Amino acid sequence: MANYNLDKTLAVAQEKLKAKEPEIMAQLSSTEYNQDNKTFRVPFLGEEYLVQYPEGKVTLAGNETQEVSLQNQILILHYLVTASGQPIQNQYISFKELPDGAIYIDPFTKRTINPMLKLFGHDLDLFKTTAAKLGGEIKNLGHAGVTINVFPKVPITYVIWEGDDEFPASGNVLFDASAGSYLPTEDYAVVASQVIWTLKALSNCS
């Protein structure tokens, strides 16, 4: 997506943030809001980010001079303005079961599931040890399953059935039934893929 479109999307998200009460957003998203310096502290993909209210400026906690990608800024703001406070349901749904998810299933498979299998489909130990670096919790799913909390209320579960000489590896990505209450479906396509590329970097895979 062109940066121009991302700039527009970011501006819209910042306007939505400005229109909401910060204390309520913090409560619904299970994030911290400091009234003194008007700043949210938002855990995201193993890092913590600061969001200034009401302007919506996003910085990396502890390294405020490091540039945060437009994509990450949008994801973080979307989480704050979308979060409904709905409890985690502990019920898995597929990407197709997200609102309008069927429309995006082909690009989702190409951007997320196929790279996951290419990286880890024949090395489940690497998959599990690398996921642990992002706080991944082992699940009894497939031959290897891990759940990674991308945001406080956004668990994403990655499942692999290991390949062999006869059959290729297969896999799936699962979301909690509450997922639609925390991010737009398009964002799940982005962030689920981003987890895989983060795992690739952490695993030193080529």
N, C-alpha and C. Protein backbone atom coordinates (compact mmCIF):
# COMPACT_ATOMS: atom_id res chain seq x y z
N MET A 1 0.84 -1.19 0.00
CA MET A 1 0.00 0.00 0.00
C MET A 1 0.88 1.25 0.00
N ALA A 2 0.51 2.23 -0.81
CA ALA A 2 1.30 3.45 -0.92
C ALA A 2 1.28 4.21 0.40
N ASN A 3 2.39 4.89 0.66
CA ASN A 3 2.47 5.68 1.88
C ASN A 3 1.39 6.75 1.94
N TYR A 4 0.98 7.24 0.76
CA TYR A 4 -0.09 8.25 0.74
C TYR A 4 -1.35 7.70 1.38
N ASN A 5 -1.72 6.47 1.03
CA ASN A 5 -2.91 5.86 1.61
C ASN A 5 -2.71 5.60 3.10
N LEU A 6 -1.51 5.19 3.48
CA LEU A 6 -1.24 4.95 4.89
C LEU A 6 -1.31 6.26 5.68
N ASP A 7 -0.83 7.34 5.08
CA ASP A 7 -0.92 8.65 5.74
C ASP A 7 -2.37 9.03 6.00
N LYS A 8 -3.23 8.79 5.02
CA LYS A 8 -4.65 9.10 5.17
C LYS A 8 -5.28 8.21 6.24
N THR A 9 -4.94 6.94 6.22
CA THR A 9 -5.48 6.00 7.21
C THR A 9 -5.05 6.38 8.62
N LEU A 10 -3.78 6.79 8.76
CA LEU A 10 -3.27 7.21 10.05
C LEU A 10 -4.01 8.46 10.54
N ALA A 11 -4.23 9.42 9.65
CA ALA A 11 -4.91 10.65 10.02
C ALA A 11 -6.33 10.37 10.51
N VAL A 12 -7.02 9.46 9.83
CA VAL A 12 -8.37 9.08 10.25
C VAL A 12 -8.34 8.44 11.63
N ALA A 13 -7.37 7.55 11.86
CA ALA A 13 -7.26 6.88 13.16
C ALA A 13 -6.97 7.89 14.27
N GLN A 14 -6.14 8.87 13.98
CA GLN A 14 -5.82 9.90 14.97
C GLN A 14 -7.05 10.74 15.32
N GLU A 15 -7.88 11.02 14.32
CA GLU A 15 -9.12 11.76 14.58
C GLU A 15 -10.08 10.95 15.45
N LYS A 16 -10.14 9.65 15.20
CA LYS A 16 -11.00 8.79 16.02
C LYS A 16 -10.50 8.73 17.46
N LEU A 17 -9.19 8.67 17.62
CA LEU A 17 -8.62 8.66 18.97
C LEU A 17 -8.99 9.94 19.71
N LYS A 18 -8.88 11.06 19.03
CA LYS A 18 -9.13 12.37 19.63
C LYS A 18 -10.58 12.49 20.11
N ALA A 19 -11.49 11.77 19.43
CA ALA A 19 -12.92 11.87 19.74
C ALA A 19 -13.35 11.00 20.92
N LYS A 20 -12.45 10.18 21.44
CA LYS A 20 -12.82 9.25 22.51
C LYS A 20 -12.18 9.65 23.83
N GLU A 21 -12.79 9.19 24.91
CA GLU A 21 -12.26 9.45 26.24
C GLU A 21 -11.08 8.52 26.52
N PRO A 22 -9.93 9.04 26.89
CA PRO A 22 -8.74 8.19 27.04
C PRO A 22 -8.88 7.14 28.15
N GLU A 23 -9.47 7.52 29.27
CA GLU A 23 -9.60 6.55 30.37
C GLU A 23 -10.46 5.36 29.96
N ILE A 24 -11.51 5.63 29.18
CA ILE A 24 -12.38 4.54 28.72
C ILE A 24 -11.65 3.66 27.73
N MET A 25 -10.90 4.27 26.80
CA MET A 25 -10.12 3.48 25.84
C MET A 25 -9.13 2.58 26.56
N ALA A 26 -8.46 3.11 27.57
CA ALA A 26 -7.48 2.32 28.32
C ALA A 26 -8.15 1.13 29.00
N GLN A 27 -9.31 1.38 29.59
CA GLN A 27 -10.02 0.30 30.26
C GLN A 27 -10.45 -0.78 29.29
N LEU A 28 -11.01 -0.39 28.14
CA LEU A 28 -11.52 -1.36 27.17
C LEU A 28 -10.41 -2.14 26.48
N SER A 29 -9.23 -1.52 26.36
CA SER A 29 -8.13 -2.17 25.64
C SER A 29 -7.12 -2.84 26.58
N SER A 30 -7.36 -2.74 27.89
CA SER A 30 -6.43 -3.28 28.90
C SER A 30 -5.03 -2.71 28.73
N THR A 31 -4.97 -1.40 28.51
CA THR A 31 -3.69 -0.69 28.43
C THR A 31 -3.64 0.34 29.56
N GLU A 32 -2.46 0.92 29.75
CA GLU A 32 -2.29 1.93 30.79
C GLU A 32 -2.40 3.33 30.19
N TYR A 33 -3.05 4.23 30.94
CA TYR A 33 -3.10 5.63 30.53
C TYR A 33 -2.64 6.49 31.69
N ASN A 34 -1.61 7.30 31.42
CA ASN A 34 -1.05 8.20 32.43
C ASN A 34 -1.68 9.58 32.24
N GLN A 35 -2.50 9.98 33.20
CA GLN A 35 -3.20 11.26 33.08
C GLN A 35 -2.24 12.44 33.17
N ASP A 36 -1.15 12.27 33.88
CA ASP A 36 -0.22 13.38 34.07
C ASP A 36 0.44 13.80 32.76
N ASN A 37 0.92 12.81 32.00
CA ASN A 37 1.56 13.18 30.73
C ASN A 37 0.72 12.82 29.51
N LYS A 38 -0.55 12.43 29.77
CA LYS A 38 -1.51 12.14 28.70
C LYS A 38 -0.94 11.15 27.68
N THR A 39 -0.52 10.00 28.20
CA THR A 39 0.14 9.00 27.36
C THR A 39 -0.38 7.60 27.66
N PHE A 40 -0.72 6.88 26.59
CA PHE A 40 -1.01 5.45 26.70
C PHE A 40 0.29 4.67 26.61
N ARG A 41 0.34 3.55 27.31
CA ARG A 41 1.43 2.59 27.15
C ARG A 41 0.81 1.30 26.60
N VAL A 42 1.17 0.95 25.37
CA VAL A 42 0.51 -0.15 24.66
C VAL A 42 1.51 -1.25 24.32
N PRO A 43 1.38 -2.45 24.90
CA PRO A 43 2.21 -3.57 24.49
C PRO A 43 1.82 -4.04 23.08
N PHE A 44 2.82 -4.25 22.24
CA PHE A 44 2.56 -4.70 20.87
C PHE A 44 3.76 -5.48 20.36
N LEU A 45 3.53 -6.73 20.05
CA LEU A 45 4.55 -7.61 19.45
C LEU A 45 5.87 -7.58 20.21
N GLY A 46 5.78 -7.76 21.52
CA GLY A 46 6.99 -7.87 22.32
C GLY A 46 7.64 -6.56 22.68
N GLU A 47 7.09 -5.44 22.23
CA GLU A 47 7.61 -4.11 22.57
C GLU A 47 6.51 -3.32 23.28
N GLU A 48 6.89 -2.19 23.84
CA GLU A 48 5.90 -1.28 24.41
C GLU A 48 5.99 0.06 23.68
N TYR A 49 4.82 0.59 23.34
CA TYR A 49 4.75 1.84 22.59
C TYR A 49 3.99 2.88 23.42
N LEU A 50 4.35 4.14 23.22
CA LEU A 50 3.68 5.25 23.87
C LEU A 50 2.84 5.98 22.84
N VAL A 51 1.61 6.30 23.23
CA VAL A 51 0.69 7.04 22.35
C VAL A 51 0.26 8.31 23.07
N GLN A 52 0.60 9.45 22.50
CA GLN A 52 0.22 10.73 23.07
C GLN A 52 -1.25 11.03 22.77
N TYR A 53 -1.95 11.53 23.79
CA TYR A 53 -3.35 11.91 23.62
C TYR A 53 -3.45 13.43 23.78
N PRO A 54 -4.19 14.13 22.92
CA PRO A 54 -5.10 13.60 21.90
C PRO A 54 -4.50 13.47 20.50
N GLU A 55 -3.23 13.90 20.30
CA GLU A 55 -2.71 13.98 18.93
C GLU A 55 -2.46 12.62 18.28
N GLY A 56 -2.27 11.57 19.08
CA GLY A 56 -2.09 10.24 18.52
C GLY A 56 -0.69 9.96 18.01
N LYS A 57 0.30 10.69 18.50
CA LYS A 57 1.68 10.41 18.11
C LYS A 57 2.14 9.11 18.78
N VAL A 58 2.75 8.22 18.00
CA VAL A 58 3.17 6.90 18.49
C VAL A 58 4.69 6.83 18.49
N THR A 59 5.28 6.46 19.64
CA THR A 59 6.72 6.28 19.74
C THR A 59 7.03 4.99 20.48
N LEU A 60 8.25 4.51 20.31
CA LEU A 60 8.69 3.30 20.99
C LEU A 60 9.16 3.66 22.39
N ALA A 61 8.60 3.01 23.40
CA ALA A 61 8.96 3.32 24.79
C ALA A 61 10.45 3.05 25.00
N GLY A 62 11.13 4.02 25.60
CA GLY A 62 12.54 3.87 25.87
C GLY A 62 13.44 4.26 24.72
N ASN A 63 12.85 4.50 23.55
CA ASN A 63 13.64 4.90 22.38
C ASN A 63 12.75 5.77 21.49
N GLU A 64 12.35 6.92 22.06
CA GLU A 64 11.36 7.76 21.39
C GLU A 64 11.85 8.36 20.08
N THR A 65 13.16 8.30 19.83
CA THR A 65 13.68 8.87 18.58
C THR A 65 13.62 7.86 17.43
N GLN A 66 13.42 6.58 17.75
CA GLN A 66 13.34 5.57 16.69
C GLN A 66 12.02 5.70 15.95
N GLU A 67 12.09 5.72 14.65
CA GLU A 67 10.88 5.88 13.85
C GLU A 67 10.01 4.63 13.92
N VAL A 68 8.72 4.83 14.13
CA VAL A 68 7.74 3.74 14.14
C VAL A 68 7.06 3.72 12.77
N SER A 69 7.01 2.57 12.14
CA SER A 69 6.44 2.49 10.79
C SER A 69 4.98 2.96 10.80
N LEU A 70 4.55 3.52 9.68
CA LEU A 70 3.15 3.94 9.55
C LEU A 70 2.20 2.78 9.82
N GLN A 71 2.57 1.61 9.33
CA GLN A 71 1.73 0.43 9.52
C GLN A 71 1.54 0.13 11.00
N ASN A 72 2.61 0.17 11.76
CA ASN A 72 2.51 -0.12 13.19
C ASN A 72 1.74 0.97 13.93
N GLN A 73 1.96 2.22 13.54
CA GLN A 73 1.20 3.31 14.16
C GLN A 73 -0.30 3.10 13.95
N ILE A 74 -0.67 2.71 12.75
CA ILE A 74 -2.09 2.49 12.44
C ILE A 74 -2.65 1.33 13.24
N LEU A 75 -1.92 0.23 13.30
CA LEU A 75 -2.39 -0.93 14.06
C LEU A 75 -2.61 -0.57 15.53
N ILE A 76 -1.68 0.16 16.11
CA ILE A 76 -1.77 0.52 17.53
C ILE A 76 -2.96 1.44 17.78
N LEU A 77 -3.14 2.44 16.93
CA LEU A 77 -4.26 3.35 17.09
C LEU A 77 -5.59 2.64 16.84
N HIS A 78 -5.63 1.78 15.83
CA HIS A 78 -6.86 1.02 15.57
C HIS A 78 -7.23 0.16 16.78
N TYR A 79 -6.24 -0.42 17.43
CA TYR A 79 -6.53 -1.23 18.61
C TYR A 79 -7.16 -0.37 19.71
N LEU A 80 -6.60 0.79 19.96
CA LEU A 80 -7.12 1.66 21.01
C LEU A 80 -8.55 2.12 20.71
N VAL A 81 -8.82 2.48 19.47
CA VAL A 81 -10.14 3.05 19.16
C VAL A 81 -11.20 1.99 18.90
N THR A 82 -10.77 0.75 18.62
CA THR A 82 -11.74 -0.31 18.31
C THR A 82 -12.07 -1.16 19.52
N ALA A 83 -11.13 -1.31 20.45
CA ALA A 83 -11.30 -2.23 21.58
C ALA A 83 -12.63 -2.01 22.30
N SER A 84 -13.37 -3.09 22.48
CA SER A 84 -14.70 -3.02 23.07
C SER A 84 -14.74 -3.47 24.53
N GLY A 85 -13.64 -4.08 24.99
CA GLY A 85 -13.64 -4.62 26.34
C GLY A 85 -14.27 -5.99 26.45
N GLN A 86 -14.72 -6.56 25.33
CA GLN A 86 -15.33 -7.89 25.38
C GLN A 86 -14.33 -8.91 25.91
N PRO A 87 -14.75 -9.79 26.82
CA PRO A 87 -13.83 -10.80 27.34
C PRO A 87 -13.33 -11.75 26.24
N ILE A 88 -12.12 -12.26 26.43
CA ILE A 88 -11.62 -13.31 25.54
C ILE A 88 -12.55 -14.52 25.66
N GLN A 89 -12.95 -15.07 24.51
CA GLN A 89 -13.93 -16.15 24.49
C GLN A 89 -13.30 -17.54 24.62
N ASN A 90 -11.99 -17.64 24.37
CA ASN A 90 -11.31 -18.93 24.36
C ASN A 90 -11.98 -19.91 23.41
N GLN A 91 -12.40 -19.37 22.28
CA GLN A 91 -13.00 -20.17 21.21
C GLN A 91 -12.35 -19.75 19.91
N TYR A 92 -11.79 -20.72 19.19
CA TYR A 92 -11.04 -20.41 17.98
C TYR A 92 -11.96 -20.21 16.79
N ILE A 93 -11.60 -19.23 15.97
CA ILE A 93 -12.24 -19.06 14.67
C ILE A 93 -11.14 -18.88 13.63
N SER A 94 -11.45 -19.20 12.38
CA SER A 94 -10.49 -19.03 11.30
C SER A 94 -10.60 -17.62 10.72
N PHE A 95 -9.65 -17.28 9.87
CA PHE A 95 -9.69 -15.96 9.25
C PHE A 95 -10.98 -15.77 8.45
N LYS A 96 -11.44 -16.83 7.80
CA LYS A 96 -12.66 -16.73 7.00
C LYS A 96 -13.87 -16.38 7.84
N GLU A 97 -13.82 -16.67 9.14
CA GLU A 97 -14.95 -16.40 10.02
C GLU A 97 -14.95 -14.99 10.60
N LEU A 98 -13.87 -14.24 10.36
CA LEU A 98 -13.87 -12.83 10.72
C LEU A 98 -14.81 -12.08 9.78
N PRO A 99 -15.32 -10.91 10.18
CA PRO A 99 -16.20 -10.15 9.30
C PRO A 99 -15.54 -9.88 7.94
N ASP A 100 -16.18 -10.35 6.87
CA ASP A 100 -15.66 -10.21 5.50
C ASP A 100 -14.33 -10.91 5.29
N GLY A 101 -13.98 -11.83 6.18
CA GLY A 101 -12.69 -12.52 6.07
C GLY A 101 -12.54 -13.33 4.80
N ALA A 102 -13.65 -13.88 4.29
CA ALA A 102 -13.57 -14.72 3.09
C ALA A 102 -13.04 -13.93 1.90
N ILE A 103 -13.27 -12.62 1.90
CA ILE A 103 -12.83 -11.78 0.78
C ILE A 103 -11.30 -11.74 0.71
N TYR A 104 -10.66 -11.80 1.87
CA TYR A 104 -9.21 -11.61 1.95
C TYR A 104 -8.45 -12.92 2.13
N ILE A 105 -9.14 -14.07 2.04
CA ILE A 105 -8.50 -15.33 2.43
C ILE A 105 -7.32 -15.69 1.53
N ASP A 106 -7.41 -15.43 0.24
CA ASP A 106 -6.30 -15.79 -0.65
C ASP A 106 -5.03 -14.98 -0.35
N PRO A 107 -5.12 -13.65 -0.28
CA PRO A 107 -3.91 -12.90 0.10
C PRO A 107 -3.45 -13.23 1.52
N PHE A 108 -4.39 -13.52 2.42
CA PHE A 108 -4.00 -13.89 3.78
C PHE A 108 -3.17 -15.17 3.76
N THR A 109 -3.60 -16.15 2.98
CA THR A 109 -2.86 -17.42 2.88
C THR A 109 -1.47 -17.18 2.30
N LYS A 110 -1.38 -16.37 1.28
CA LYS A 110 -0.09 -16.11 0.63
C LYS A 110 0.85 -15.31 1.53
N ARG A 111 0.30 -14.39 2.32
CA ARG A 111 1.14 -13.50 3.12
C ARG A 111 1.49 -14.08 4.49
N THR A 112 0.69 -15.03 4.97
CA THR A 112 0.87 -15.49 6.34
C THR A 112 1.13 -16.99 6.43
N ILE A 113 0.20 -17.80 5.95
CA ILE A 113 0.32 -19.24 6.14
C ILE A 113 1.46 -19.82 5.31
N ASN A 114 1.55 -19.44 4.04
CA ASN A 114 2.62 -19.99 3.19
C ASN A 114 4.01 -19.64 3.71
N PRO A 115 4.29 -18.38 4.08
CA PRO A 115 5.60 -18.07 4.66
C PRO A 115 5.87 -18.82 5.97
N MET A 116 4.85 -18.98 6.81
CA MET A 116 5.03 -19.73 8.05
C MET A 116 5.48 -21.16 7.76
N LEU A 117 4.86 -21.79 6.77
CA LEU A 117 5.21 -23.17 6.44
C LEU A 117 6.58 -23.26 5.79
N LYS A 118 6.91 -22.27 4.98
CA LYS A 118 8.23 -22.27 4.35
C LYS A 118 9.33 -22.15 5.40
N LEU A 119 9.10 -21.32 6.42
CA LEU A 119 10.10 -21.08 7.45
C LEU A 119 10.19 -22.22 8.46
N PHE A 120 9.03 -22.73 8.88
CA PHE A 120 9.01 -23.61 10.04
C PHE A 120 8.35 -24.97 9.81
N GLY A 121 7.85 -25.23 8.61
CA GLY A 121 7.10 -26.46 8.37
C GLY A 121 7.90 -27.73 8.57
N HIS A 122 9.22 -27.63 8.51
CA HIS A 122 10.07 -28.81 8.70
C HIS A 122 10.99 -28.64 9.91
N ASP A 123 10.69 -27.68 10.76
CA ASP A 123 11.50 -27.48 11.97
C ASP A 123 10.61 -26.94 13.09
N LEU A 124 9.85 -27.83 13.68
CA LEU A 124 8.88 -27.41 14.69
C LEU A 124 9.55 -26.95 15.98
N ASP A 125 10.72 -27.50 16.28
CA ASP A 125 11.43 -27.04 17.48
C ASP A 125 11.84 -25.58 17.32
N LEU A 126 12.32 -25.22 16.14
CA LEU A 126 12.68 -23.83 15.88
C LEU A 126 11.45 -22.94 15.98
N PHE A 127 10.34 -23.42 15.46
CA PHE A 127 9.08 -22.68 15.52
C PHE A 127 8.70 -22.38 16.97
N LYS A 128 8.77 -23.38 17.82
CA LYS A 128 8.33 -23.20 19.21
C LYS A 128 9.32 -22.35 20.01
N THR A 129 10.61 -22.58 19.82
CA THR A 129 11.59 -21.80 20.59
C THR A 129 11.60 -20.34 20.15
N THR A 130 11.38 -20.10 18.86
CA THR A 130 11.35 -18.72 18.38
C THR A 130 10.08 -18.02 18.86
N ALA A 131 8.96 -18.72 18.81
CA ALA A 131 7.70 -18.12 19.29
C ALA A 131 7.80 -17.76 20.77
N ALA A 132 8.56 -18.55 21.53
CA ALA A 132 8.73 -18.27 22.97
C ALA A 132 9.38 -16.91 23.19
N LYS A 133 10.21 -16.47 22.23
CA LYS A 133 10.86 -15.16 22.36
C LYS A 133 9.85 -14.02 22.28
N LEU A 134 8.68 -14.30 21.69
CA LEU A 134 7.61 -13.31 21.63
C LEU A 134 6.55 -13.59 22.69
N GLY A 135 6.89 -14.43 23.66
CA GLY A 135 5.93 -14.76 24.71
C GLY A 135 4.93 -15.81 24.28
N GLY A 136 5.24 -16.56 23.24
CA GLY A 136 4.31 -17.57 22.73
C GLY A 136 4.01 -18.66 23.75
N GLU A 137 2.75 -19.04 23.82
CA GLU A 137 2.29 -20.10 24.73
C GLU A 137 1.98 -21.35 23.91
N ILE A 138 2.60 -22.47 24.28
CA ILE A 138 2.40 -23.71 23.54
C ILE A 138 0.96 -24.20 23.70
N LYS A 139 0.36 -24.61 22.58
CA LYS A 139 -0.99 -25.15 22.57
C LYS A 139 -0.97 -26.57 21.99
N ASN A 140 -1.88 -27.39 22.46
CA ASN A 140 -1.98 -28.77 21.98
C ASN A 140 -2.83 -28.80 20.70
N LEU A 141 -2.25 -28.25 19.65
CA LEU A 141 -2.93 -28.17 18.36
C LEU A 141 -1.96 -28.57 17.27
N GLY A 142 -2.43 -29.36 16.30
CA GLY A 142 -1.57 -29.82 15.22
C GLY A 142 -0.36 -30.56 15.77
N HIS A 143 0.75 -30.52 15.02
CA HIS A 143 2.01 -31.05 15.53
C HIS A 143 2.73 -30.01 16.37
N ALA A 144 2.39 -28.74 16.15
CA ALA A 144 2.93 -27.66 16.98
C ALA A 144 1.97 -26.49 16.89
N GLY A 145 1.60 -25.96 18.04
CA GLY A 145 0.72 -24.80 18.08
C GLY A 145 1.20 -23.81 19.12
N VAL A 146 1.16 -22.54 18.79
CA VAL A 146 1.55 -21.50 19.75
C VAL A 146 0.57 -20.33 19.65
N THR A 147 0.29 -19.73 20.79
CA THR A 147 -0.53 -18.52 20.82
C THR A 147 0.34 -17.35 21.23
N ILE A 148 0.29 -16.29 20.43
CA ILE A 148 1.05 -15.08 20.69
C ILE A 148 0.08 -13.93 20.90
N ASN A 149 0.22 -13.23 22.02
CA ASN A 149 -0.63 -12.08 22.31
C ASN A 149 -0.03 -10.86 21.62
N VAL A 150 -0.61 -10.50 20.50
CA VAL A 150 -0.12 -9.37 19.72
C VAL A 150 -0.40 -8.06 20.46
N PHE A 151 -1.61 -7.92 20.96
CA PHE A 151 -2.02 -6.86 21.86
C PHE A 151 -2.59 -7.54 23.11
N PRO A 152 -2.83 -6.79 24.19
CA PRO A 152 -3.34 -7.43 25.40
C PRO A 152 -4.60 -8.28 25.20
N LYS A 153 -5.49 -7.87 24.29
CA LYS A 153 -6.73 -8.60 24.07
C LYS A 153 -6.78 -9.23 22.67
N VAL A 154 -5.63 -9.43 22.05
CA VAL A 154 -5.59 -10.00 20.69
C VAL A 154 -4.62 -11.18 20.64
N PRO A 155 -5.08 -12.37 21.07
CA PRO A 155 -4.27 -13.57 20.89
C PRO A 155 -4.43 -14.12 19.47
N ILE A 156 -3.32 -14.51 18.86
CA ILE A 156 -3.34 -15.16 17.55
C ILE A 156 -2.61 -16.50 17.69
N THR A 157 -3.24 -17.56 17.21
CA THR A 157 -2.70 -18.91 17.37
C THR A 157 -2.24 -19.46 16.02
N TYR A 158 -1.01 -19.93 15.99
CA TYR A 158 -0.38 -20.46 14.78
C TYR A 158 -0.22 -21.97 14.94
N VAL A 159 -0.69 -22.72 13.94
CA VAL A 159 -0.70 -24.18 14.02
C VAL A 159 -0.01 -24.77 12.79
N ILE A 160 0.88 -25.73 13.04
CA ILE A 160 1.59 -26.40 11.93
C ILE A 160 1.46 -27.91 12.08
N TRP A 161 1.16 -28.57 10.96
CA TRP A 161 1.28 -30.03 10.84
C TRP A 161 2.54 -30.28 10.02
N GLU A 162 3.50 -30.95 10.60
CA GLU A 162 4.83 -31.07 9.99
C GLU A 162 4.78 -31.87 8.70
N GLY A 163 5.57 -31.43 7.74
CA GLY A 163 5.67 -32.15 6.48
C GLY A 163 6.67 -33.28 6.56
N ASP A 164 6.58 -34.20 5.59
CA ASP A 164 7.56 -35.29 5.48
C ASP A 164 7.82 -35.55 4.01
N ASP A 165 8.45 -36.69 3.72
CA ASP A 165 8.80 -36.99 2.32
C ASP A 165 7.56 -37.20 1.46
N GLU A 166 6.47 -37.57 2.09
CA GLU A 166 5.25 -37.91 1.33
C GLU A 166 4.25 -36.75 1.27
N PHE A 167 4.16 -36.00 2.37
CA PHE A 167 3.16 -34.94 2.42
C PHE A 167 3.83 -33.61 2.77
N PRO A 168 3.38 -32.52 2.14
CA PRO A 168 3.93 -31.20 2.49
C PRO A 168 3.38 -30.75 3.84
N ALA A 169 4.08 -29.84 4.47
CA ALA A 169 3.58 -29.26 5.71
C ALA A 169 2.29 -28.49 5.43
N SER A 170 1.43 -28.42 6.45
CA SER A 170 0.22 -27.63 6.35
C SER A 170 0.05 -26.84 7.64
N GLY A 171 -0.80 -25.84 7.60
CA GLY A 171 -0.95 -25.03 8.79
C GLY A 171 -2.19 -24.16 8.75
N ASN A 172 -2.42 -23.48 9.85
CA ASN A 172 -3.56 -22.58 9.94
C ASN A 172 -3.24 -21.49 10.96
N VAL A 173 -3.98 -20.41 10.88
CA VAL A 173 -3.87 -19.32 11.85
C VAL A 173 -5.27 -19.09 12.41
N LEU A 174 -5.36 -19.09 13.72
CA LEU A 174 -6.67 -19.00 14.39
C LEU A 174 -6.74 -17.76 15.26
N PHE A 175 -7.95 -17.28 15.41
CA PHE A 175 -8.20 -16.06 16.19
C PHE A 175 -9.24 -16.37 17.25
N ASP A 176 -9.28 -15.55 18.28
CA ASP A 176 -10.32 -15.72 19.28
C ASP A 176 -11.64 -15.21 18.72
N ALA A 177 -12.73 -15.80 19.20
CA ALA A 177 -14.05 -15.41 18.70
C ALA A 177 -14.36 -13.94 18.98
N SER A 178 -13.62 -13.32 19.89
CA SER A 178 -13.82 -11.90 20.20
C SER A 178 -13.04 -10.98 19.26
N ALA A 179 -12.31 -11.54 18.30
CA ALA A 179 -11.36 -10.76 17.50
C ALA A 179 -12.00 -9.55 16.83
N GLY A 180 -13.21 -9.70 16.31
CA GLY A 180 -13.86 -8.60 15.61
C GLY A 180 -14.15 -7.40 16.49
N SER A 181 -14.03 -7.58 17.79
CA SER A 181 -14.29 -6.48 18.73
C SER A 181 -13.03 -5.69 19.06
N TYR A 182 -11.89 -6.05 18.41
CA TYR A 182 -10.63 -5.40 18.77
C TYR A 182 -9.85 -4.81 17.61
N LEU A 183 -10.04 -5.35 16.41
CA LEU A 183 -9.37 -4.79 15.23
C LEU A 183 -10.24 -5.03 14.01
N PRO A 184 -10.14 -4.19 12.99
CA PRO A 184 -10.79 -4.49 11.72
C PRO A 184 -10.15 -5.73 11.08
N THR A 185 -10.92 -6.43 10.27
CA THR A 185 -10.42 -7.66 9.64
C THR A 185 -9.17 -7.41 8.81
N GLU A 186 -9.13 -6.30 8.07
CA GLU A 186 -7.95 -6.00 7.25
C GLU A 186 -6.69 -5.93 8.11
N ASP A 187 -6.82 -5.44 9.33
CA ASP A 187 -5.67 -5.35 10.22
C ASP A 187 -5.18 -6.72 10.65
N TYR A 188 -6.09 -7.68 10.79
CA TYR A 188 -5.65 -9.03 11.16
C TYR A 188 -4.82 -9.65 10.04
N ALA A 189 -5.14 -9.34 8.79
CA ALA A 189 -4.33 -9.84 7.68
C ALA A 189 -2.91 -9.28 7.77
N VAL A 190 -2.81 -8.02 8.16
CA VAL A 190 -1.50 -7.38 8.27
C VAL A 190 -0.72 -7.90 9.47
N VAL A 191 -1.35 -7.88 10.63
CA VAL A 191 -0.61 -8.19 11.86
C VAL A 191 -0.26 -9.67 11.96
N ALA A 192 -1.11 -10.55 11.45
CA ALA A 192 -0.80 -11.98 11.49
C ALA A 192 0.43 -12.28 10.63
N SER A 193 0.54 -11.60 9.50
CA SER A 193 1.73 -11.74 8.65
C SER A 193 2.95 -11.14 9.33
N GLN A 194 2.75 -10.01 9.99
CA GLN A 194 3.86 -9.33 10.65
C GLN A 194 4.48 -10.21 11.74
N VAL A 195 3.65 -10.99 12.42
CA VAL A 195 4.18 -11.92 13.43
C VAL A 195 5.16 -12.90 12.78
N ILE A 196 4.79 -13.43 11.63
CA ILE A 196 5.65 -14.41 10.96
C ILE A 196 6.99 -13.79 10.59
N TRP A 197 6.98 -12.56 10.09
CA TRP A 197 8.24 -11.93 9.70
C TRP A 197 9.06 -11.55 10.92
N THR A 198 8.38 -11.25 12.03
CA THR A 198 9.11 -11.02 13.27
C THR A 198 9.76 -12.31 13.76
N LEU A 199 9.04 -13.42 13.64
CA LEU A 199 9.60 -14.72 14.02
C LEU A 199 10.79 -15.07 13.11
N LYS A 200 10.67 -14.74 11.84
CA LYS A 200 11.78 -15.02 10.93
C LYS A 200 13.04 -14.27 11.39
N ALA A 201 12.87 -13.00 11.73
CA ALA A 201 14.02 -12.22 12.19
C ALA A 201 14.60 -12.78 13.48
N LEU A 202 13.72 -13.20 14.38
CA LEU A 202 14.19 -13.74 15.66
C LEU A 202 14.87 -15.09 15.51
N SER A 203 14.48 -15.85 14.49
CA SER A 203 15.04 -17.18 14.30
C SER A 203 16.31 -17.18 13.47
N ASN A 204 16.65 -16.00 12.90
CA ASN A 204 17.80 -15.88 12.00
C ASN A 204 17.67 -16.77 10.78
N CYS A 205 16.41 -17.02 10.39
CA CYS A 205 16.20 -17.79 9.15
C CYS A 205 16.55 -16.91 7.96
N SER A 206 16.98 -17.56 6.92
CA SER A 206 17.28 -16.81 5.69
C SER A 206 16.10 -16.90 4.75
